[in-house]
Each structure stands twice: as C-alpha cells, then as structure tokens.
Amino acid sequence: MHEGPPRAAPDWQTKSPYQIENPQKGFDKKYTAACHCGAVEFAASEDPLDVKYCHCKVCQRVHGAPFQWAAIFRKTSILFTKGIEQLEFYNTANGSKDHQLPSKVLCKECHSPLADEGRNMFLAFPTAFRFEHGKVPAAFRPSCHIFYGSRVVDIPDGAPKFEGMKGDSKELPETR
C-alpha cells in the first residue's frame, strides 16, 4: 500500500526551541528540565534574562495557584531534547490547542505546565528545572512581581511590585 510522500514536520517544530535537525550542535546545556512524568525534557544554555512572579487572573486560574513563577529566556537558548511529540499547547485568549502564539506549553501525558511561549521569548516555569542539590540558583530568583494589583495573597519579600506590567504601570508599596 502506497502512503504517499512523508509528511513534513509542522512549522513550529523547525524553529527554536523545538528544532529537530542537529539539535545538539553547538548547544551547551546549563540547566535541564522535564515534565512530571518525564515524557518531555528541555534544556537552557544560559541564565534567564529576567524572572518574575505574575499575579494576573489568567495565571492564577490556569495554574491553580496565587501566582505564576516564570523565567524569561530567548527562544534560541532553549532546546527540547525529548518528547516534542508529547507537547500540547493552549492559547488562553481563544482556547485554541493549536500552536498559536502566545500559548501555554504542557505535556499531553501528565499535563505538567512547562512554559509560556511568546512570539519572541520563552517563559519557562522554574519548577520544571532539575537544579543541582534541589537548590534554586540566584539567577532564577524573581526580580519583581507583575499584576500585583490582582494578587490574592500579599508576598512581603522586598521585591518590587507593579500594579500591571513592569514599566507600564505604577509600583505598589510593600504590604505586611
């Protein structure tokens, strides 16, 4: 039975961080991460550009938590090393499960949230990383809280707190 020509990989699989051709060429792993069940693994080649706690209502609802912890990376500094076929996507704006940016990235087996993928950046969730000795490196400590005006719990940690996005909203005072 003739099955026709091989199917091309979806466009998103040919670009960072999902590229599948020569994935290890010139990529030095600094940090590794995985979903809960281990079906999906990825690595980062450098420290995050920034790290934030997001208190927006969407993050609270999607994560079932008071806030989301996100480490912001260039897409080219992230590489999926296992299980791209096990990835699932979710666009919170329209409910699409297609790879439509921006979107949540998760494992379709265990449903572990792994990251938010934007048009230019990859916001990895530090809880997916396998840090040496289980200790969070200084590079993954949050620089600020965003959408703190929507918070459901006060976090008196001394980090700057912004009503909305950093740079686009006013800084809020620390409350105890």
Foldseek 3Di string as FASTA:
>chain_A
DDPDDDDDDPPVCCDFQNNDPPQPVPADFPWKFAFPVRQKIKGFRDFAPAKEWEQDPLQCVVVVHQTAIWGKHFRVRMHIDGHPVQKWWADPVPGDRPPDPQIFIAGNPPRGTAWTDHPGITTGGVVRIDDVVPDDDPSRDHQEYACCLNGPDADQPPHWYFVHDVPPGDTDDHDD
